[in-house]
Amino acid sequence: MFKALIFVAFFGIAFSSPLSNSALRSLGGSIGARKVVPKVVDVAHVAVSHASGDDVHAETLNRSDDVRADGFSTVLETSNHISESRNGDVHGNIHGDYGWISPEGEHIQLTYVADENGYQPSGAHLPTPPPIPVEIQRALEWIASHPPAETYEH
């Protein structure tokens, strides 16, 4: 049943093509014969033409992968200043860092730990919460120093 559905969908798309007869002929076919020879497009060239110059020609300067029974470690450095290193243990705990140069020329470095407490990134570029207002900080300190009285129910 699934093969029949795919077959019908394929021919439905082929016969409803918006290409004109002259466009089909230039591809090697005609409306009557429905013989269409697709043009070959160099996808790699198209994708590369949109990347920046340094990234296109970046080379791996250092790569190391060490997988052991008790964990792993990996290091990667490229010629366009991208770097990554991480280590993990048999319990699934991972710590590492990675960095790159931003389009503005700033060196971005992020360090992280991923363990039973979740993913915990740190870096100078990450947003931080605003400071706690003085009044709220005083109230929190007062609450901490004055625990509620214990009540006993009979």
Protein backbone atom coordinates (compact mmCIF):
# COMPACT_ATOMS: atom_id res chain seq x y z
CA MET A 1 0.00 0.00 0.00
CA PHE A 2 2.81 2.39 0.91
CA LYS A 3 4.60 1.66 -2.38
CA ALA A 4 1.43 2.48 -4.30
CA LEU A 5 1.07 5.78 -2.42
CA ILE A 6 4.67 6.74 -3.22
CA PHE A 7 4.16 5.74 -6.88
CA VAL A 8 1.00 7.88 -7.20
CA ALA A 9 2.66 10.85 -5.45
CA PHE A 10 5.72 10.64 -7.70
CA PHE A 11 3.72 10.61 -10.93
CA GLY A 12 1.34 13.25 -9.65
CA ILE A 13 4.24 15.60 -9.10
CA ALA A 14 5.83 14.68 -12.45
CA PHE A 15 2.69 15.30 -14.51
CA SER A 16 1.73 18.48 -12.71
CA SER A 17 5.10 20.07 -13.36
CA PRO A 18 4.84 23.81 -14.06
CA LEU A 19 7.59 23.55 -16.67
CA SER A 20 6.55 24.68 -20.11
CA ASN A 21 7.01 22.50 -23.20
CA SER A 22 10.08 24.52 -24.24
CA ALA A 23 11.58 24.20 -20.76
CA LEU A 24 11.03 20.45 -20.84
CA ARG A 25 12.58 20.21 -24.29
CA SER A 26 15.67 22.10 -23.07
CA LEU A 27 15.98 19.50 -20.31
CA GLY A 28 15.83 16.74 -22.91
CA GLY A 29 12.17 15.82 -22.92
CA SER A 30 8.79 16.90 -24.23
CA ILE A 31 5.26 17.15 -22.86
CA GLY A 32 4.02 14.25 -24.99
CA ALA A 33 6.81 11.85 -24.11
CA ARG A 34 7.32 13.08 -20.54
CA LYS A 35 10.97 12.16 -20.82
CA VAL A 36 12.84 14.58 -18.59
CA VAL A 37 16.58 14.51 -18.03
CA PRO A 38 17.38 16.62 -14.99
CA LYS A 39 20.18 19.16 -15.01
CA VAL A 40 23.06 18.35 -12.71
CA VAL A 41 23.64 21.11 -10.19
CA ASP A 42 26.88 21.34 -8.26
CA VAL A 43 25.34 21.62 -4.79
CA ALA A 44 28.71 21.81 -3.05
CA HIS A 45 29.68 24.85 -5.13
CA VAL A 46 26.39 26.60 -4.38
CA ALA A 47 26.67 25.96 -0.64
CA VAL A 48 30.30 27.04 -0.48
CA SER A 49 29.69 30.28 -2.34
CA HIS A 50 27.58 31.54 0.57
CA ALA A 51 30.18 30.86 3.28
CA SER A 52 32.84 33.33 4.33
CA GLY A 53 36.33 33.03 2.87
CA ASP A 54 38.13 31.86 6.02
CA ASP A 55 35.50 29.25 6.83
CA VAL A 56 35.55 27.78 3.34
CA HIS A 57 39.28 27.16 3.43
CA ALA A 58 39.56 26.22 7.11
CA GLU A 59 41.72 23.25 7.86
CA THR A 60 41.87 20.97 10.86
CA LEU A 61 45.07 21.77 12.75
CA ASN A 62 44.63 19.32 15.60
CA ARG A 63 42.17 16.54 16.22
CA SER A 64 42.35 13.92 18.88
CA ASP A 65 39.69 11.39 19.90
CA ASP A 66 40.36 9.01 22.75
CA VAL A 67 37.53 6.62 23.60
CA ARG A 68 38.16 4.36 26.58
CA ALA A 69 36.09 1.99 28.68
CA ASP A 70 36.03 4.56 31.50
CA GLY A 71 35.21 7.62 29.35
CA PHE A 72 36.43 9.71 26.46
CA SER A 73 38.29 12.88 25.56
CA THR A 74 38.29 14.80 22.32
CA VAL A 75 40.08 17.90 21.04
CA LEU A 76 39.54 19.85 17.81
CA GLU A 77 41.30 22.98 16.55
CA THR A 78 40.85 24.57 13.12
CA SER A 79 42.77 27.21 11.19
CA ASN A 80 39.85 29.67 11.49
CA HIS A 81 40.20 29.77 15.31
CA ILE A 82 37.43 27.33 16.21
CA SER A 83 38.39 25.07 19.09
CA GLU A 84 36.65 22.44 21.18
CA SER A 85 37.69 20.04 23.89
CA ARG A 86 35.59 17.77 26.07
CA ASN A 87 36.00 14.92 28.47
CA GLY A 88 33.43 12.45 29.68
CA ASP A 89 33.27 9.61 32.14
CA VAL A 90 31.45 6.31 32.28
CA HIS A 91 28.62 7.90 34.31
CA GLY A 92 27.68 10.31 31.51
CA ASN A 93 29.29 13.39 33.08
CA ILE A 94 30.86 15.66 30.50
CA HIS A 95 32.89 18.83 30.89
CA GLY A 96 34.47 20.84 28.17
CA ASP A 97 34.85 24.12 26.38
CA TYR A 98 34.65 25.56 22.92
CA GLY A 99 35.49 28.87 21.34
CA TRP A 100 35.53 30.87 18.13
CA ILE A 101 36.07 34.38 16.82
CA SER A 102 32.81 36.30 16.35
CA PRO A 103 32.14 38.34 13.17
CA GLU A 104 32.96 41.42 15.27
CA GLY A 105 36.43 40.00 16.01
CA GLU A 106 35.71 39.09 19.65
CA HIS A 107 37.05 35.82 21.03
CA ILE A 108 34.08 33.84 22.39
CA GLN A 109 34.88 31.11 24.90
CA LEU A 110 32.29 28.91 26.59
CA THR A 111 32.98 26.36 29.32
CA TYR A 112 30.38 23.82 30.38
CA VAL A 113 29.58 20.91 32.63
CA ALA A 114 26.84 18.42 31.80
CA ASP A 115 26.06 16.05 34.64
CA GLU A 116 23.21 14.94 36.91
CA ASN A 117 22.45 18.64 37.51
CA GLY A 118 21.93 19.33 33.80
CA TYR A 119 23.82 21.48 31.31
CA GLN A 120 25.67 24.33 33.04
CA PRO A 121 27.42 26.72 30.63
CA SER A 122 29.58 29.64 31.68
CA GLY A 123 31.21 32.37 29.65
CA ALA A 124 31.76 36.11 29.70
CA HIS A 125 29.44 36.60 26.71
CA LEU A 126 26.43 34.86 28.31
CA PRO A 127 23.72 37.10 29.75
CA THR A 128 23.51 37.33 33.52
CA PRO A 129 20.48 38.08 35.70
CA PRO A 130 20.17 41.58 37.14
CA PRO A 131 21.35 42.07 40.73
CA ILE A 132 18.85 41.52 43.54
CA PRO A 133 17.56 44.87 44.86
CA VAL A 134 18.94 45.80 48.30
CA GLU A 135 15.50 45.76 49.94
CA ILE A 136 14.73 42.24 48.74
CA GLN A 137 18.19 41.03 49.77
CA ARG A 138 17.64 42.41 53.30
CA ALA A 139 14.23 40.73 53.49
CA LEU A 140 15.71 37.39 52.41
CA GLU A 141 18.45 37.67 55.01
CA TRP A 142 15.88 38.51 57.72
CA ILE A 143 13.73 35.52 56.77
CA ALA A 144 16.79 33.25 56.87
CA SER A 145 17.81 34.50 60.31
CA HIS A 146 14.26 34.28 61.77
CA PRO A 147 12.92 30.80 61.02
CA PRO A 148 9.24 30.24 61.79
CA ALA A 149 8.45 28.99 65.27
CA GLU A 150 7.84 25.28 65.53
CA THR A 151 4.28 24.34 66.24
CA TYR A 152 3.22 21.08 67.80
CA GLU A 153 -0.09 19.51 67.05
CA HIS A 154 -1.60 16.98 69.43
